[in-house]
Protein backbone atom coordinates (compact mmCIF):
# COMPACT_ATOMS: atom_id res chain seq x y z
CA MET A 1 -59.23 -34.46 -9.76
CA ASN A 2 -59.22 -30.66 -9.48
CA LYS A 3 -60.04 -28.26 -12.34
CA ALA A 4 -56.41 -27.45 -13.09
CA GLU A 5 -55.66 -31.15 -13.56
CA LEU A 6 -58.71 -31.51 -15.63
CA VAL A 7 -57.74 -28.62 -17.90
CA ILE A 8 -54.30 -30.05 -18.50
CA MET A 9 -55.70 -33.52 -19.14
CA GLU A 10 -58.28 -32.13 -21.57
CA PHE A 11 -55.60 -30.05 -23.40
CA ARG A 12 -53.48 -33.18 -23.80
CA ASP A 13 -56.46 -35.22 -25.00
CA LEU A 14 -57.53 -32.45 -27.46
CA PHE A 15 -53.95 -32.22 -28.84
CA ASN A 16 -53.72 -35.98 -29.22
CA LYS A 17 -57.02 -36.15 -31.09
CA MET A 18 -55.90 -33.40 -33.47
CA VAL A 19 -52.64 -35.19 -34.16
CA TRP A 20 -54.30 -38.54 -34.61
CA LEU A 21 -57.00 -37.09 -36.93
CA ASN A 22 -54.46 -35.11 -39.05
CA LYS A 23 -51.65 -37.60 -39.03
CA SER A 24 -52.46 -39.83 -41.99
CA LYS A 25 -53.35 -36.95 -44.27
CA MET A 26 -50.10 -35.15 -43.29
CA GLU A 27 -48.00 -38.30 -43.79
CA ASP A 28 -49.59 -39.05 -47.15
CA SER A 29 -49.16 -35.50 -48.46
CA LEU A 30 -45.72 -34.94 -47.01
CA LYS A 31 -44.23 -38.41 -47.55
CA GLY A 32 -40.50 -38.50 -46.82
CA TYR A 33 -40.54 -35.46 -44.55
CA LYS A 34 -40.43 -35.59 -40.76
CA PRO A 35 -42.63 -33.17 -38.75
CA SER A 36 -39.49 -31.40 -37.45
CA GLU A 37 -38.39 -30.72 -41.09
CA VAL A 38 -41.80 -29.38 -42.06
CA HIS A 39 -42.01 -27.19 -38.95
CA CYS A 40 -38.51 -25.88 -39.69
CA ILE A 41 -39.55 -25.05 -43.28
CA GLU A 42 -42.71 -23.32 -41.98
CA TYR A 43 -40.71 -21.17 -39.54
CA ILE A 44 -38.16 -20.21 -42.20
CA GLU A 45 -40.86 -19.15 -44.66
CA ARG A 46 -42.73 -17.10 -42.06
CA ASN A 47 -39.73 -15.35 -40.51
CA VAL A 48 -37.21 -13.30 -42.44
CA ASP A 49 -33.54 -13.90 -41.59
CA SER A 50 -34.12 -17.19 -39.76
CA ASN A 51 -30.96 -18.49 -38.13
CA VAL A 52 -30.00 -21.39 -35.87
CA THR A 53 -30.75 -19.47 -32.70
CA LYS A 54 -34.19 -18.26 -33.76
CA LEU A 55 -35.09 -21.75 -35.01
CA ALA A 56 -33.91 -23.43 -31.83
CA GLU A 57 -35.95 -21.06 -29.64
CA SER A 58 -39.04 -21.44 -31.79
CA LEU A 59 -38.95 -25.18 -32.20
CA TYR A 60 -37.74 -25.92 -28.69
CA MET A 61 -34.66 -27.80 -29.93
CA THR A 62 -31.02 -27.38 -29.17
CA SER A 63 -28.73 -25.43 -31.49
CA GLY A 64 -26.91 -28.63 -32.34
CA ALA A 65 -30.13 -30.38 -33.34
CA ILE A 66 -31.14 -27.41 -35.50
CA SER A 67 -27.70 -27.42 -37.13
CA LYS A 68 -28.19 -31.07 -38.07
CA LEU A 69 -31.76 -30.46 -39.26
CA THR A 70 -30.84 -27.50 -41.44
CA GLN A 71 -27.91 -29.45 -43.00
CA LYS A 72 -30.38 -32.24 -43.85
CA LEU A 73 -32.77 -29.70 -45.38
CA ILE A 74 -29.95 -28.14 -47.42
CA LYS A 75 -28.92 -31.63 -48.72
CA LYS A 76 -32.57 -32.30 -49.69
CA GLY A 77 -32.58 -28.99 -51.64
CA LEU A 78 -35.37 -27.46 -49.50
CA ILE A 79 -33.47 -24.54 -47.95
CA GLU A 80 -30.33 -22.62 -48.66
CA SER A 81 -28.03 -20.65 -46.38
CA TYR A 82 -26.94 -17.08 -46.95
CA GLN A 83 -25.01 -14.34 -45.17
CA LYS A 84 -25.57 -10.53 -45.09
CA PRO A 85 -22.77 -8.34 -46.41
CA GLU A 86 -22.69 -6.44 -43.11
CA ASN A 87 -22.57 -9.64 -40.96
CA LYS A 88 -20.35 -12.41 -42.37
CA LYS A 89 -20.47 -14.26 -39.08
CA GLU A 90 -24.16 -15.12 -38.95
CA ILE A 91 -25.75 -17.72 -41.28
CA TYR A 92 -29.35 -17.31 -42.28
CA PHE A 93 -31.72 -19.59 -44.11
CA ARG A 94 -34.39 -19.21 -46.80
CA LEU A 95 -36.55 -21.64 -48.75
CA THR A 96 -35.67 -22.88 -52.18
CA GLU A 97 -38.45 -23.30 -54.79
CA GLN A 98 -38.73 -26.92 -53.73
CA GLY A 99 -38.95 -25.83 -50.06
CA LYS A 100 -41.76 -23.44 -50.95
CA VAL A 101 -43.73 -26.34 -52.54
CA ILE A 102 -43.46 -28.29 -49.27
CA TYR A 103 -44.51 -25.16 -47.30
CA GLN A 104 -47.52 -24.67 -49.48
CA ILE A 105 -48.64 -28.29 -49.20
CA HIS A 106 -48.41 -27.94 -45.42
CA GLU A 107 -50.34 -24.64 -45.44
CA ASP A 108 -53.09 -26.16 -47.64
CA LEU A 109 -53.47 -29.02 -45.17
CA HIS A 110 -53.84 -26.58 -42.27
CA LYS A 111 -56.49 -24.68 -44.19
CA GLU A 112 -58.34 -27.97 -44.88
CA PHE A 113 -58.21 -28.85 -41.18
CA GLN A 114 -59.45 -25.37 -40.21
CA GLU A 115 -62.31 -25.74 -42.73
CA ARG A 116 -63.19 -29.09 -41.16
CA ASP A 117 -63.26 -27.57 -37.69
CA LYS A 118 -64.86 -24.26 -38.63
CA ALA A 119 -68.32 -25.21 -37.36
CA VAL A 120 -66.96 -25.40 -33.77
CA PHE A 121 -65.11 -22.12 -33.96
CA GLU A 122 -68.11 -20.28 -35.45
CA GLN A 123 -69.99 -20.93 -32.21
CA VAL A 124 -67.30 -19.41 -30.03
CA THR A 125 -67.93 -15.79 -28.96
CA GLU A 126 -65.24 -13.04 -29.06
CA GLU A 127 -65.36 -12.97 -25.25
CA GLN A 128 -64.74 -16.74 -25.09
CA PHE A 129 -61.85 -16.47 -27.55
CA ASP A 130 -60.35 -13.61 -25.54
CA SER A 131 -60.64 -15.61 -22.36
CA MET A 132 -59.08 -18.75 -23.86
CA LEU A 133 -56.27 -16.77 -25.42
CA SER A 134 -55.64 -14.92 -22.17
CA PHE A 135 -55.40 -18.18 -20.25
CA ILE A 136 -53.07 -19.77 -22.84
CA GLU A 137 -50.82 -16.69 -22.80
CA ARG A 138 -50.63 -16.67 -19.00
CA TYR A 139 -49.85 -20.41 -18.87
CA SER A 140 -47.24 -20.04 -21.60
CA ARG A 141 -45.54 -17.21 -19.68
CA HIS A 142 -45.54 -19.43 -16.58
CA LEU A 143 -43.91 -22.30 -18.49
CA ASP A 144 -41.37 -19.89 -19.99
CA ALA A 145 -40.43 -18.80 -16.48
CA GLU A 146 -40.14 -22.46 -15.32
CA ILE A 147 -37.89 -23.21 -18.27
CA LYS A 148 -35.74 -20.22 -17.49
CA LYS A 149 -35.67 -21.04 -13.80
CA ARG A 150 -34.41 -24.53 -14.44
CA GLY A 151 -31.81 -23.31 -16.92
CA ILE A 152 -33.14 -25.46 -19.71
CA GLY A 153 -31.73 -23.52 -22.59
CA ILE A 154 -31.55 -24.00 -26.30
CA ARG A 155 -27.75 -24.13 -26.13
CA SER A 156 -27.57 -27.27 -23.96
CA GLU A 157 -26.69 -30.40 -25.88
């Protein structure tokens, strides 16, 4: 196995460990909410004027899937839609008070997980962080180019 394969395998293993370790706490605290719903809520809270297109791009889902997801969140009373006076065509989303509660629970869990893992990150030097971030950014740009090259777009159903 070459180093590139090893890196990808280790990334996958690391991600799977994080998911496995965090899963039960997330499920207990966010009972009744799917990860896609929570991530949608997170994006809407962090990004002003979130719309279907922005959500689809960010969450790597189709526009149709986002439309269904946002309708479900509206029915649950977690988000509401709105339009701007100067643009009656576009529909945007924002959190309701109930949606903000779910967002805060999710944020608190992330802080708890960061605190749990702090000991590891305190040992990483600025140079090591910069190197890791540079690699991740480069790999992400490569994958973006591959996605674009294959025509895998958010609009495809």
